[in-house]
Structure formats: structure tokens, C-alpha cells
Amino acid sequence: MAKFKKQDRRKRVKRGIRGKIDGTPQRPRLSVYRSNRHIYAQLIDDRDGVTLAAASSIEEGVDGSTPVDVSKAVGQSLAERAREKGIERAVFDRNGYRYHGRVQALAEGAREGGLQC
């Protein structure tokens, strides 16, 4: 009996999500990548295939006492960079991860920073 690995499930879910959402220059895709230690987020224009803004927990100045606090700070940092480039709205791509914990905190931080997603 073949068991599915966690990565296989995430890839399958990711394909379903990406089939439904698409980033445009006016409303880019906010893509999240979560490793065991860090979290990364970027705003992507899928039409031209370019990254418009990015933020991650490995950057200087992103502080927090817990991983959830750090994720929220990354979301706020990304929202600030997006506003500097004139981006006010984005479509959230959870990238196959559950909308829970650090992924949820990043989205809430981006919303608190002024990004509609």
C-alpha cells in the first residue's frame, strides 16, 4: 500500500490552487514559502513572470519572539514594500500550506500593513 508523503499532498493541493488564481500587475499573487526555520513571501506578476516585491524572515530588522510574530512582521514588511510600488491589492496564494499558524499570521500582517488580500 503506497502512502502519500506530506510533500506529495502539498504539491497536489498547490496545483489546484494555482489553477484557480493568477497574478496580474494590478493585483499580483502573494506567494508564501514556509521552511522549518524561515518564511518567505513575494508578490508575483504571472503575466510577465516577474517578482514585484519580496520579504523574508532572514532579513535584518524582522523581529519577533515567536515564529508567528516573525511571520506577521514579514507580512507587514511586504505590505510596506508593495505600497511603495503602488500596489494596494493582491490575491493570496497559500502555496499548498494550510491557512493556519505562520501562513495565517503572514496574511494578517500584510492586511494590517494595508494590503488587501
PDB file of N, CA and C in Angstrom:
ATOM      1  N   MET A   1       0.839  -1.166   0.000  1.00  0.00           N
ATOM      2  CA  MET A   1       0.000   0.000   0.000  1.00  0.00           C
ATOM      3  C   MET A   1       0.896   1.246   0.000  1.00  0.00           C
ATOM      4  N   ALA A   2       0.711   2.109  -0.982  1.00  0.00           N
ATOM      5  CA  ALA A   2       1.542   3.316  -1.094  1.00  0.00           C
ATOM      6  C   ALA A   2       0.944   4.430  -0.244  1.00  0.00           C
ATOM      7  N   LYS A   3       1.769   5.015   0.575  1.00  0.00           N
ATOM      8  CA  LYS A   3       1.352   6.149   1.403  1.00  0.00           C
ATOM      9  C   LYS A   3       1.791   7.427   0.724  1.00  0.00           C
ATOM     10  N   PHE A   4       0.964   8.448   0.806  1.00  0.00           N
ATOM     11  CA  PHE A   4       1.336   9.739   0.273  1.00  0.00           C
ATOM     12  C   PHE A   4       2.210  10.467   1.278  1.00  0.00           C
ATOM     13  N   LYS A   5       3.241  11.093   0.784  1.00  0.00           N
ATOM     14  CA  LYS A   5       4.082  11.904   1.636  1.00  0.00           C
ATOM     15  C   LYS A   5       3.451  13.284   1.773  1.00  0.00           C
ATOM     16  N   LYS A   6       3.862  13.999   2.804  1.00  0.00           N
ATOM     17  CA  LYS A   6       3.344  15.342   3.042  1.00  0.00           C
ATOM     18  C   LYS A   6       3.640  16.258   1.848  1.00  0.00           C
ATOM     19  N   GLN A   7       4.823  16.102   1.254  1.00  0.00           N
ATOM     20  CA  GLN A   7       5.193  16.936   0.110  1.00  0.00           C
ATOM     21  C   GLN A   7       4.309  16.642  -1.101  1.00  0.00           C
ATOM     22  N   ASP A   8       3.956  15.363  -1.294  1.00  0.00           N
ATOM     23  CA  ASP A   8       3.103  14.995  -2.423  1.00  0.00           C
ATOM     24  C   ASP A   8       1.714  15.608  -2.279  1.00  0.00           C
ATOM     25  N   ARG A   9       1.184  15.597  -1.074  1.00  0.00           N
ATOM     26  CA  ARG A   9      -0.117  16.202  -0.811  1.00  0.00           C
ATOM     27  C   ARG A   9      -0.065  17.698  -1.085  1.00  0.00           C
ATOM     28  N   ARG A  10       1.001  18.353  -0.613  1.00  0.00           N
ATOM     29  CA  ARG A  10       1.133  19.795  -0.807  1.00  0.00           C
ATOM     30  C   ARG A  10       1.222  20.137  -2.288  1.00  0.00           C
ATOM     31  N   LYS A  11       1.963  19.349  -3.062  1.00  0.00           N
ATOM     32  CA  LYS A  11       2.070  19.597  -4.499  1.00  0.00           C
ATOM     33  C   LYS A  11       0.719  19.458  -5.189  1.00  0.00           C
ATOM     34  N   ARG A  12      -0.048  18.457  -4.783  1.00  0.00           N
ATOM     35  CA  ARG A  12      -1.366  18.238  -5.386  1.00  0.00           C
ATOM     36  C   ARG A  12      -2.301  19.399  -5.070  1.00  0.00           C
ATOM     37  N   VAL A  13      -2.307  19.826  -3.811  1.00  0.00           N
ATOM     38  CA  VAL A  13      -3.152  20.945  -3.400  1.00  0.00           C
ATOM     39  C   VAL A  13      -2.697  22.228  -4.099  1.00  0.00           C
ATOM     40  N   LYS A  14      -1.385  22.404  -4.203  1.00  0.00           N
ATOM     41  CA  LYS A  14      -0.819  23.591  -4.847  1.00  0.00           C
ATOM     42  C   LYS A  14      -1.277  23.700  -6.299  1.00  0.00           C
ATOM     43  N   ARG A  15      -1.271  22.578  -7.023  1.00  0.00           N
ATOM     44  CA  ARG A  15      -1.726  22.585  -8.414  1.00  0.00           C
ATOM     45  C   ARG A  15      -3.178  23.042  -8.514  1.00  0.00           C
ATOM     46  N   GLY A  16      -4.010  22.598  -7.586  1.00  0.00           N
ATOM     47  CA  GLY A  16      -5.412  23.009  -7.600  1.00  0.00           C
ATOM     48  C   GLY A  16      -5.580  24.491  -7.334  1.00  0.00           C
ATOM     49  N   ILE A  17      -4.792  25.020  -6.408  1.00  0.00           N
ATOM     50  CA  ILE A  17      -4.871  26.441  -6.076  1.00  0.00           C
ATOM     51  C   ILE A  17      -4.396  27.282  -7.255  1.00  0.00           C
ATOM     52  N   ARG A  18      -3.254  26.907  -7.843  1.00  0.00           N
ATOM     53  CA  ARG A  18      -2.680  27.698  -8.927  1.00  0.00           C
ATOM     54  C   ARG A  18      -3.533  27.638 -10.190  1.00  0.00           C
ATOM     55  N   GLY A  19      -4.377  26.616 -10.298  1.00  0.00           N
ATOM     56  CA  GLY A  19      -5.284  26.555 -11.431  1.00  0.00           C
ATOM     57  C   GLY A  19      -6.407  27.570 -11.322  1.00  0.00           C
ATOM     58  N   LYS A  20      -6.636  28.073 -10.126  1.00  0.00           N
ATOM     59  CA  LYS A  20      -7.753  28.994  -9.898  1.00  0.00           C
ATOM     60  C   LYS A  20      -7.333  30.448  -9.764  1.00  0.00           C
ATOM     61  N   ILE A  21      -6.079  30.704  -9.400  1.00  0.00           N
ATOM     62  CA  ILE A  21      -5.651  32.085  -9.180  1.00  0.00           C
ATOM     63  C   ILE A  21      -4.551  32.464 -10.153  1.00  0.00           C
ATOM     64  N   ASP A  22      -4.451  33.763 -10.429  1.00  0.00           N
ATOM     65  CA  ASP A  22      -3.475  34.271 -11.374  1.00  0.00           C
ATOM     66  C   ASP A  22      -3.118  35.689 -10.963  1.00  0.00           C
ATOM     67  N   GLY A  23      -1.843  35.999 -10.922  1.00  0.00           N
ATOM     68  CA  GLY A  23      -1.401  37.330 -10.541  1.00  0.00           C
ATOM     69  C   GLY A  23      -1.313  38.249 -11.740  1.00  0.00           C
ATOM     70  N   THR A  24      -1.781  39.473 -11.592  1.00  0.00           N
ATOM     71  CA  THR A  24      -1.718  40.488 -12.634  1.00  0.00           C
ATOM     72  C   THR A  24      -0.899  41.670 -12.107  1.00  0.00           C
ATOM     73  N   PRO A  25      -0.507  42.588 -12.963  1.00  0.00           N
ATOM     74  CA  PRO A  25       0.235  43.754 -12.458  1.00  0.00           C
ATOM     75  C   PRO A  25      -0.577  44.589 -11.451  1.00  0.00           C
ATOM     76  N   GLN A  26      -1.893  44.678 -11.642  1.00  0.00           N
ATOM     77  CA  GLN A  26      -2.726  45.439 -10.728  1.00  0.00           C
ATOM     78  C   GLN A  26      -3.007  44.667  -9.436  1.00  0.00           C
ATOM     79  N   ARG A  27      -3.122  43.354  -9.541  1.00  0.00           N
ATOM     80  CA  ARG A  27      -3.394  42.502  -8.382  1.00  0.00           C
ATOM     81  C   ARG A  27      -2.482  41.279  -8.429  1.00  0.00           C
ATOM     82  N   PRO A  28      -1.241  41.430  -7.961  1.00  0.00           N
ATOM     83  CA  PRO A  28      -0.293  40.317  -8.034  1.00  0.00           C
ATOM     84  C   PRO A  28      -0.621  39.202  -7.046  1.00  0.00           C
ATOM     85  N   ARG A  29       0.016  38.084  -7.270  1.00  0.00           N
ATOM     86  CA  ARG A  29      -0.167  36.915  -6.406  1.00  0.00           C
ATOM     87  C   ARG A  29       0.806  37.005  -5.241  1.00  0.00           C
ATOM     88  N   LEU A  30       0.299  36.914  -4.015  1.00  0.00           N
ATOM     89  CA  LEU A  30       1.140  36.907  -2.821  1.00  0.00           C
ATOM     90  C   LEU A  30       1.436  35.444  -2.502  1.00  0.00           C
ATOM     91  N   SER A  31       2.628  35.013  -2.873  1.00  0.00           N
ATOM     92  CA  SER A  31       3.020  33.618  -2.704  1.00  0.00           C
ATOM     93  C   SER A  31       3.838  33.450  -1.436  1.00  0.00           C
ATOM     94  N   VAL A  32       3.545  32.393  -0.680  1.00  0.00           N
ATOM     95  CA  VAL A  32       4.212  32.127   0.597  1.00  0.00           C
ATOM     96  C   VAL A  32       5.001  30.831   0.484  1.00  0.00           C
ATOM     97  N   TYR A  33       6.237  30.847   0.996  1.00  0.00           N
ATOM     98  CA  TYR A  33       7.004  29.618   1.148  1.00  0.00           C
ATOM     99  C   TYR A  33       7.420  29.525   2.609  1.00  0.00           C
ATOM    100  N   ARG A  34       7.186  28.376   3.181  1.00  0.00           N
ATOM    101  CA  ARG A  34       7.454  28.175   4.603  1.00  0.00           C
ATOM    102  C   ARG A  34       8.436  27.020   4.745  1.00  0.00           C
ATOM    103  N   SER A  35       9.610  27.302   5.312  1.00  0.00           N
ATOM    104  CA  SER A  35      10.547  26.235   5.629  1.00  0.00           C
ATOM    105  C   SER A  35      10.430  25.955   7.122  1.00  0.00           C
ATOM    106  N   ASN A  36      11.205  25.024   7.616  1.00  0.00           N
ATOM    107  CA  ASN A  36      11.130  24.722   9.039  1.00  0.00           C
ATOM    108  C   ASN A  36      11.588  25.894   9.897  1.00  0.00           C
ATOM    109  N   ARG A  37      12.495  26.692   9.359  1.00  0.00           N
ATOM    110  CA  ARG A  37      13.097  27.753  10.150  1.00  0.00           C
ATOM    111  C   ARG A  37      12.658  29.157   9.743  1.00  0.00           C
ATOM    112  N   HIS A  38      12.383  29.383   8.462  1.00  0.00           N
ATOM    113  CA  HIS A  38      12.091  30.723   7.960  1.00  0.00           C
ATOM    114  C   HIS A  38      10.798  30.735   7.155  1.00  0.00           C
ATOM    115  N   ILE A  39      10.357  31.959   6.832  1.00  0.00           N
ATOM    116  CA  ILE A  39       9.186  32.128   5.978  1.00  0.00           C
ATOM    117  C   ILE A  39       9.503  33.214   4.958  1.00  0.00           C
ATOM    118  N   TYR A  40       9.051  33.007   3.738  1.00  0.00           N
ATOM    119  CA  TYR A  40       9.333  33.912   2.629  1.00  0.00           C
ATOM    120  C   TYR A  40       8.012  34.269   1.950  1.00  0.00           C
ATOM    121  N   ALA A  41       7.922  35.501   1.448  1.00  0.00           N
ATOM    122  CA  ALA A  41       6.725  35.922   0.727  1.00  0.00           C
ATOM    123  C   ALA A  41       7.146  36.817  -0.421  1.00  0.00           C
ATOM    124  N   GLN A  42       6.432  36.702  -1.534  1.00  0.00           N
ATOM    125  CA  GLN A  42       6.709  37.589  -2.656  1.00  0.00           C
ATOM    126  C   GLN A  42       5.435  37.882  -3.429  1.00  0.00           C
ATOM    127  N   LEU A  43       5.419  39.056  -4.038  1.00  0.00           N
ATOM    128  CA  LEU A  43       4.325  39.463  -4.902  1.00  0.00           C
ATOM    129  C   LEU A  43       4.764  39.215  -6.337  1.00  0.00           C
ATOM    130  N   ILE A  44       3.992  38.400  -7.055  1.00  0.00           N
ATOM    131  CA  ILE A  44       4.389  37.935  -8.380  1.00  0.00           C
ATOM    132  C   ILE A  44       3.357  38.352  -9.418  1.00  0.00           C
ATOM    133  N   ASP A  45       3.854  38.916 -10.524  1.00  0.00           N
ATOM    134  CA  ASP A  45       3.031  39.205 -11.696  1.00  0.00           C
ATOM    135  C   ASP A  45       3.190  38.015 -12.634  1.00  0.00           C
ATOM    136  N   ASP A  46       2.183  37.161 -12.717  1.00  0.00           N
ATOM    137  CA  ASP A  46       2.268  35.945 -13.529  1.00  0.00           C
ATOM    138  C   ASP A  46       2.211  36.237 -15.026  1.00  0.00           C
ATOM    139  N   ARG A  47       1.648  37.367 -15.419  1.00  0.00           N
ATOM    140  CA  ARG A  47       1.562  37.696 -16.849  1.00  0.00           C
ATOM    141  C   ARG A  47       2.957  37.902 -17.441  1.00  0.00           C
ATOM    142  N   ASP A  48       3.815  38.650 -16.709  1.00  0.00           N
ATOM    143  CA  ASP A  48       5.178  38.906 -17.185  1.00  0.00           C
ATOM    144  C   ASP A  48       6.206  37.987 -16.537  1.00  0.00           C
ATOM    145  N   GLY A  49       5.802  37.243 -15.503  1.00  0.00           N
ATOM    146  CA  GLY A  49       6.707  36.329 -14.829  1.00  0.00           C
ATOM    147  C   GLY A  49       7.776  37.030 -14.010  1.00  0.00           C
ATOM    148  N   VAL A  50       7.398  38.119 -13.336  1.00  0.00           N
ATOM    149  CA  VAL A  50       8.365  38.877 -12.541  1.00  0.00           C
ATOM    150  C   VAL A  50       7.896  39.015 -11.098  1.00  0.00           C
ATOM    151  N   THR A  51       8.871  39.121 -10.202  1.00  0.00           N
ATOM    152  CA  THR A  51       8.587  39.376  -8.798  1.00  0.00           C
ATOM    153  C   THR A  51       8.600  40.876  -8.580  1.00  0.00           C
ATOM    154  N   LEU A  52       7.508  41.413  -8.039  1.00  0.00           N
ATOM    155  CA  LEU A  52       7.379  42.850  -7.835  1.00  0.00           C
ATOM    156  C   LEU A  52       7.928  43.289  -6.483  1.00  0.00           C
ATOM    157  N   ALA A  53       7.761  42.470  -5.470  1.00  0.00           N
ATOM    158  CA  ALA A  53       8.268  42.788  -4.131  1.00  0.00           C
ATOM    159  C   ALA A  53       8.434  41.471  -3.379  1.00  0.00           C
ATOM    160  N   ALA A  54       9.361  41.469  -2.420  1.00  0.00           N
ATOM    161  CA  ALA A  54       9.606  40.261  -1.640  1.00  0.00           C
ATOM    162  C   ALA A  54      10.028  40.639  -0.230  1.00  0.00           C
ATOM    163  N   ALA A  55       9.784  39.716   0.706  1.00  0.00           N
ATOM    164  CA  ALA A  55      10.216  39.887   2.092  1.00  0.00           C
ATOM    165  C   ALA A  55      10.411  38.494   2.680  1.00  0.00           C
ATOM    166  N   SER A  56      11.301  38.404   3.673  1.00  0.00           N
ATOM    167  CA  SER A  56      11.526  37.113   4.317  1.00  0.00           C
ATOM    168  C   SER A  56      12.007  37.318   5.737  1.00  0.00           C
ATOM    169  N   SER A  57      12.007  36.231   6.488  1.00  0.00           N
ATOM    170  CA  SER A  57      12.408  36.286   7.891  1.00  0.00           C
ATOM    171  C   SER A  57      13.921  36.290   8.062  1.00  0.00           C
ATOM    172  N   ILE A  58      14.694  36.111   6.987  1.00  0.00           N
ATOM    173  CA  ILE A  58      16.148  36.125   7.106  1.00  0.00           C
ATOM    174  C   ILE A  58      16.724  37.533   6.977  1.00  0.00           C
ATOM    175  N   GLU A  59      15.866  38.506   6.682  1.00  0.00           N
ATOM    176  CA  GLU A  59      16.325  39.883   6.524  1.00  0.00           C
ATOM    177  C   GLU A  59      16.578  40.538   7.875  1.00  0.00           C
ATOM    178  N   GLU A  60      17.441  41.538   7.851  1.00  0.00           N
ATOM    179  CA  GLU A  60      17.702  42.329   9.052  1.00  0.00           C
ATOM    180  C   GLU A  60      16.466  43.167   9.366  1.00  0.00           C
ATOM    181  N   GLY A  61      16.188  43.352  10.626  1.00  0.00           N
ATOM    182  CA  GLY A  61      15.079  44.210  11.033  1.00  0.00           C
ATOM    183  C   GLY A  61      13.745  43.509  11.192  1.00  0.00           C
ATOM    184  N   VAL A  62      13.672  42.234  10.864  1.00  0.00           N
ATOM    185  CA  VAL A  62      12.439  41.472  11.060  1.00  0.00           C
ATOM    186  C   VAL A  62      12.578  40.752  12.392  1.00  0.00           C
ATOM    187  N   ASP A  63      11.853  41.236  13.389  1.00  0.00           N
ATOM    188  CA  ASP A  63      11.991  40.698  14.736  1.00  0.00           C
ATOM    189  C   ASP A  63      10.674  40.143  15.245  1.00  0.00           C
ATOM    190  N   GLY A  64      10.777  39.242  16.196  1.00  0.00           N
ATOM    191  CA  GLY A  64       9.624  38.661  16.857  1.00  0.00           C
ATOM    192  C   GLY A  64      10.087  37.618  17.837  1.00  0.00           C
ATOM    193  N   SER A  65       9.304  37.436  18.881  1.00  0.00           N
ATOM    194  CA  SER A  65       9.704  36.475  19.908  1.00  0.00           C
ATOM    195  C   SER A  65       9.301  35.046  19.546  1.00  0.00           C
ATOM    196  N   THR A  66       8.263  34.898  18.733  1.00  0.00           N
ATOM    197  CA  THR A  66       7.810  33.574  18.310  1.00  0.00           C
ATOM    198  C   THR A  66       7.784  33.516  16.778  1.00  0.00           C
ATOM    199  N   PRO A  67       7.774  32.329  16.198  1.00  0.00           N
ATOM    200  CA  PRO A  67       7.695  32.228  14.735  1.00  0.00           C
ATOM    201  C   PRO A  67       6.448  32.904  14.155  1.00  0.00           C
ATOM    202  N   VAL A  68       5.346  32.881  14.887  1.00  0.00           N
ATOM    203  CA  VAL A  68       4.121  33.538  14.414  1.00  0.00           C
ATOM    204  C   VAL A  68       4.317  35.057  14.382  1.00  0.00           C
ATOM    205  N   ASP A  69       4.981  35.610  15.398  1.00  0.00           N
ATOM    206  CA  ASP A  69       5.252  37.047  15.423  1.00  0.00           C
ATOM    207  C   ASP A  69       6.182  37.452  14.282  1.00  0.00           C
ATOM    208  N   VAL A  70       7.173  36.625  14.006  1.00  0.00           N
ATOM    209  CA  VAL A  70       8.100  36.895  12.904  1.00  0.00           C
ATOM    210  C   VAL A  70       7.344  36.884  11.579  1.00  0.00           C
ATOM    211  N   SER A  71       6.441  35.930  11.400  1.00  0.00           N
ATOM    212  CA  SER A  71       5.655  35.837  10.169  1.00  0.00           C
ATOM    213  C   SER A  71       4.786  37.069   9.976  1.00  0.00           C
ATOM    214  N   LYS A  72       4.213  37.553  11.050  1.00  0.00           N
ATOM    215  CA  LYS A  72       3.386  38.755  10.977  1.00  0.00           C
ATOM    216  C   LYS A  72       4.238  39.956  10.560  1.00  0.00           C
ATOM    217  N   ALA A  73       5.444  40.040  11.105  1.00  0.00           N
ATOM    218  CA  ALA A  73       6.355  41.126  10.748  1.00  0.00           C
ATOM    219  C   ALA A  73       6.763  41.050   9.271  1.00  0.00           C
ATOM    220  N   VAL A  74       6.960  39.848   8.750  1.00  0.00           N
ATOM    221  CA  VAL A  74       7.294  39.674   7.332  1.00  0.00           C
ATOM    222  C   VAL A  74       6.126  40.159   6.475  1.00  0.00           C
ATOM    223  N   GLY A  75       4.906  39.833   6.853  1.00  0.00           N
ATOM    224  CA  GLY A  75       3.733  40.296   6.114  1.00  0.00           C
ATOM    225  C   GLY A  75       3.618  41.810   6.108  1.00  0.00           C
ATOM    226  N   GLN A  76       3.894  42.437   7.241  1.00  0.00           N
ATOM    227  CA  GLN A  76       3.842  43.897   7.313  1.00  0.00           C
ATOM    228  C   GLN A  76       4.942  44.526   6.466  1.00  0.00           C
ATOM    229  N   SER A  77       6.120  43.926   6.481  1.00  0.00           N
ATOM    230  CA  SER A  77       7.231  44.419   5.671  1.00  0.00           C
ATOM    231  C   SER A  77       6.902  44.322   4.180  1.00  0.00           C
ATOM    232  N   LEU A  78       6.302  43.223   3.767  1.00  0.00           N
ATOM    233  CA  LEU A  78       5.915  43.044   2.372  1.00  0.00           C
ATOM    234  C   LEU A  78       4.859  44.068   1.967  1.00  0.00           C
ATOM    235  N   ALA A  79       3.889  44.314   2.845  1.00  0.00           N
ATOM    236  CA  ALA A  79       2.840  45.293   2.549  1.00  0.00           C
ATOM    237  C   ALA A  79       3.423  46.692   2.391  1.00  0.00           C
ATOM    238  N   GLU A  80       4.404  47.014   3.210  1.00  0.00           N
ATOM    239  CA  GLU A  80       5.052  48.325   3.120  1.00  0.00           C
ATOM    240  C   GLU A  80       5.771  48.477   1.775  1.00  0.00           C
ATOM    241  N   ARG A  81       6.481  47.441   1.350  1.00  0.00           N
ATOM    242  CA  ARG A  81       7.179  47.483   0.061  1.00  0.00           C
ATOM    243  C   ARG A  81       6.194  47.543  -1.103  1.00  0.00           C
ATOM    244  N   ALA A  82       5.066  46.874  -0.948  1.00  0.00           N
ATOM    245  CA  ALA A  82       4.047  46.898  -2.001  1.00  0.00           C
ATOM    246  C   ALA A  82       3.450  48.301  -2.129  1.00  0.00           C
ATOM    247  N   ARG A  83       3.182  48.939  -1.008  1.00  0.00           N
ATOM    248  CA  ARG A  83       2.619  50.301  -1.043  1.00  0.00           C
ATOM    249  C   ARG A  83       3.588  51.269  -1.703  1.00  0.00           C
ATOM    250  N   GLU A  84       4.904  51.102  -1.472  1.00  0.00           N
ATOM    251  CA  GLU A  84       5.908  51.962  -2.098  1.00  0.00           C
ATOM    252  C   GLU A  84       5.868  51.836  -3.621  1.00  0.00           C
ATOM    253  N   LYS A  85       5.486  50.656  -4.119  1.00  0.00           N
ATOM    254  CA  LYS A  85       5.406  50.429  -5.561  1.00  0.00           C
ATOM    255  C   LYS A  85       4.006  50.686  -6.112  1.00  0.00           C
ATOM    256  N   GLY A  86       3.089  51.146  -5.252  1.00  0.00           N
ATOM    257  CA  GLY A  86       1.742  51.472  -5.704  1.00  0.00           C
ATOM    258  C   GLY A  86       0.802  50.287  -5.773  1.00  0.00           C
ATOM    259  N   ILE A  87       1.130  49.201  -5.106  1.00  0.00           N
ATOM    260  CA  ILE A  87       0.274  48.010  -5.110  1.00  0.00           C
ATOM    261  C   ILE A  87      -0.575  48.025  -3.849  1.00  0.00           C
ATOM    262  N   GLU A  88      -1.886  47.978  -4.024  1.00  0.00           N
ATOM    263  CA  GLU A  88      -2.798  48.025  -2.886  1.00  0.00           C
ATOM    264  C   GLU A  88      -3.538  46.705  -2.666  1.00  0.00           C
ATOM    265  N   ARG A  89      -3.659  45.900  -3.737  1.00  0.00           N
ATOM    266  CA  ARG A  89      -4.421  44.653  -3.650  1.00  0.00           C
ATOM    267  C   ARG A  89      -3.571  43.490  -4.139  1.00  0.00           C
ATOM    268  N   ALA A  90      -3.837  42.310  -3.591  1.00  0.00           N
ATOM    269  CA  ALA A  90      -3.139  41.092  -4.011  1.00  0.00           C
ATOM    270  C   ALA A  90      -4.069  39.906  -3.821  1.00  0.00           C
ATOM    271  N   VAL A  91      -3.777  38.827  -4.512  1.00  0.00           N
ATOM    272  CA  VAL A  91      -4.516  37.584  -4.321  1.00  0.00           C
ATOM    273  C   VAL A  91      -3.593  36.642  -3.553  1.00  0.00           C
ATOM    274  N   PHE A  92      -4.087  36.069  -2.471  1.00  0.00           N
ATOM    275  CA  PHE A  92      -3.260  35.277  -1.566  1.00  0.00           C
ATOM    276  C   PHE A  92      -3.114  33.848  -2.079  1.00  0.00           C
ATOM    277  N   ASP A  93      -1.860  33.400  -2.202  1.00  0.00           N
ATOM    278  CA  ASP A  93      -1.542  32.034  -2.623  1.00  0.00           C
ATOM    279  C   ASP A  93      -0.851  31.340  -1.455  1.00  0.00           C
ATOM    280  N   ARG A  94      -1.571  30.465  -0.785  1.00  0.00           N
ATOM    281  CA  ARG A  94      -1.008  29.787   0.387  1.00  0.00           C
ATOM    282  C   ARG A  94      -0.059  28.668   0.001  1.00  0.00           C
ATOM    283  N   ASN A  95       0.054  28.399  -1.308  1.00  0.00           N
ATOM    284  CA  ASN A  95       1.071  27.509  -1.844  1.00  0.00           C
ATOM    285  C   ASN A  95       0.957  26.072  -1.332  1.00  0.00           C
ATOM    286  N   GLY A  96      -0.250  25.629  -1.049  1.00  0.00           N
ATOM    287  CA  GLY A  96      -0.457  24.250  -0.609  1.00  0.00           C
ATOM    288  C   GLY A  96      -0.396  24.071   0.892  1.00  0.00           C
ATOM    289  N   TYR A  97      -0.010  25.118   1.632  1.00  0.00           N
ATOM    290  CA  TYR A  97       0.044  25.024   3.088  1.00  0.00           C
ATOM    291  C   TYR A  97      -1.342  25.308   3.659  1.00  0.00           C
ATOM    292  N   ARG A  98      -1.606  24.774   4.841  1.00  0.00           N
ATOM    293  CA  ARG A  98      -2.873  25.073   5.495  1.00  0.00           C
ATOM    294  C   ARG A  98      -2.890  26.535   5.917  1.00  0.00           C
ATOM    295  N   TYR A  99      -4.045  27.167   5.854  1.00  0.00           N
ATOM    296  CA  TYR A  99      -4.185  28.554   6.293  1.00  0.00           C
ATOM    297  C   TYR A  99      -4.296  28.531   7.812  1.00  0.00           C
ATOM    298  N   HIS A 100      -3.121  28.463   8.447  1.00  0.00           N
ATOM    299  CA  HIS A 100      -3.068  28.226   9.879  1.00  0.00           C
ATOM    300  C   HIS A 100      -1.694  28.628  10.367  1.00  0.00           C
ATOM    301  N   GLY A 101      -1.585  29.136  11.560  1.00  0.00           N
ATOM    302  CA  GLY A 101      -0.285  29.415  12.156  1.00  0.00           C
ATOM    303  C   GLY A 101       0.489  30.494  11.445  1.00  0.00           C
ATOM    304  N   ARG A 102       1.696  30.156  11.002  1.00  0.00           N
ATOM    305  CA  ARG A 102       2.587  31.149  10.397  1.00  0.00           C
ATOM    306  C   ARG A 102       2.055  31.700   9.078  1.00  0.00           C
ATOM    307  N   VAL A 103       1.408  30.865   8.277  1.00  0.00           N
ATOM    308  CA  VAL A 103       0.852  31.323   6.999  1.00  0.00           C
ATOM    309  C   VAL A 103      -0.275  32.314   7.255  1.00  0.00           C
ATOM    310  N   GLN A 104      -1.133  32.012   8.198  1.00  0.00           N
ATOM    311  CA  GLN A 104      -2.230  32.913   8.559  1.00  0.00           C
ATOM    312  C   GLN A 104      -1.687  34.221   9.128  1.00  0.00           C
ATOM    313  N   ALA A 105      -0.657  34.143   9.965  1.00  0.00           N
ATOM    314  CA  ALA A 105      -0.071  35.338  10.566  1.00  0.00           C
ATOM    315  C   ALA A 105       0.540  36.240   9.503  1.00  0.00           C
ATOM    316  N   LEU A 106       1.175  35.654   8.495  1.00  0.00           N
ATOM    317  CA  LEU A 106       1.746  36.453   7.414  1.00  0.00           C
ATOM    318  C   LEU A 106       0.647  37.200   6.663  1.00  0.00           C
ATOM    319  N   ALA A 107      -0.451  36.516   6.362  1.00  0.00           N
ATOM    320  CA  ALA A 107      -1.572  37.156   5.663  1.00  0.00           C
ATOM    321  C   ALA A 107      -2.168  38.278   6.505  1.00  0.00           C
ATOM    322  N   GLU A 108      -2.332  38.042   7.799  1.00  0.00           N
ATOM    323  CA  GLU A 108      -2.896  39.074   8.671  1.00  0.00           C
ATOM    324  C   GLU A 108      -1.947  40.261   8.793  1.00  0.00           C
ATOM    325  N   GLY A 109      -0.633  40.002   8.839  1.00  0.00           N
ATOM    326  CA  GLY A 109       0.339  41.081   8.884  1.00  0.00           C
ATOM    327  C   GLY A 109       0.295  41.928   7.621  1.00  0.00           C
ATOM    328  N   ALA A 110       0.134  41.280   6.471  1.00  0.00           N
ATOM    329  CA  ALA A 110       0.027  42.014   5.207  1.00  0.00           C
ATOM    330  C   ALA A 110      -1.235  42.874   5.195  1.00  0.00           C
ATOM    331  N   ARG A 111      -2.326  42.340   5.722  1.00  0.00           N
ATOM    332  CA  ARG A 111      -3.566  43.115   5.786  1.00  0.00           C
ATOM    333  C   ARG A 111      -3.427  44.300   6.731  1.00  0.00           C
ATOM    334  N   GLU A 112      -2.768  44.087   7.876  1.00  0.00           N
ATOM    335  CA  GLU A 112      -2.554  45.181   8.818  1.00  0.00           C
ATOM    336  C   GLU A 112      -1.648  46.257   8.215  1.00  0.00           C
ATOM    337  N   GLY A 113      -0.750  45.839   7.318  1.00  0.00           N
ATOM    338  CA  GLY A 113       0.133  46.780   6.651  1.00  0.00           C
ATOM    339  C   GLY A 113      -0.536  47.564   5.538  1.00  0.00           C
ATOM    340  N   GLY A 114      -1.783  47.223   5.231  1.00  0.00           N
ATOM    341  CA  GLY A 114      -2.541  47.981   4.233  1.00  0.00           C
ATOM    342  C   GLY A 114      -2.760  47.271   2.917  1.00  0.00           C
ATOM    343  N   LEU A 115      -2.336  46.036   2.801  1.00  0.00           N
ATOM    344  CA  LEU A 115      -2.520  45.274   1.577  1.00  0.00           C
ATOM    345  C   LEU A 115      -3.841  44.517   1.641  1.00  0.00           C
ATOM    346  N   GLN A 116      -4.673  44.651   0.620  1.00  0.00           N
ATOM    347  CA  GLN A 116      -5.942  43.919   0.580  1.00  0.00           C
ATOM    348  C   GLN A 116      -5.700  42.567  -0.067  1.00  0.00           C
ATOM    349  N   CYS A 117      -5.819  41.496   0.731  1.00  0.00           N
ATOM    350  CA  CYS A 117      -5.651  40.149   0.163  1.00  0.00           C
ATOM    351  C   CYS A 117      -6.521  39.167   0.922  1.00  0.00           C
TER     352      CYS A 117
END
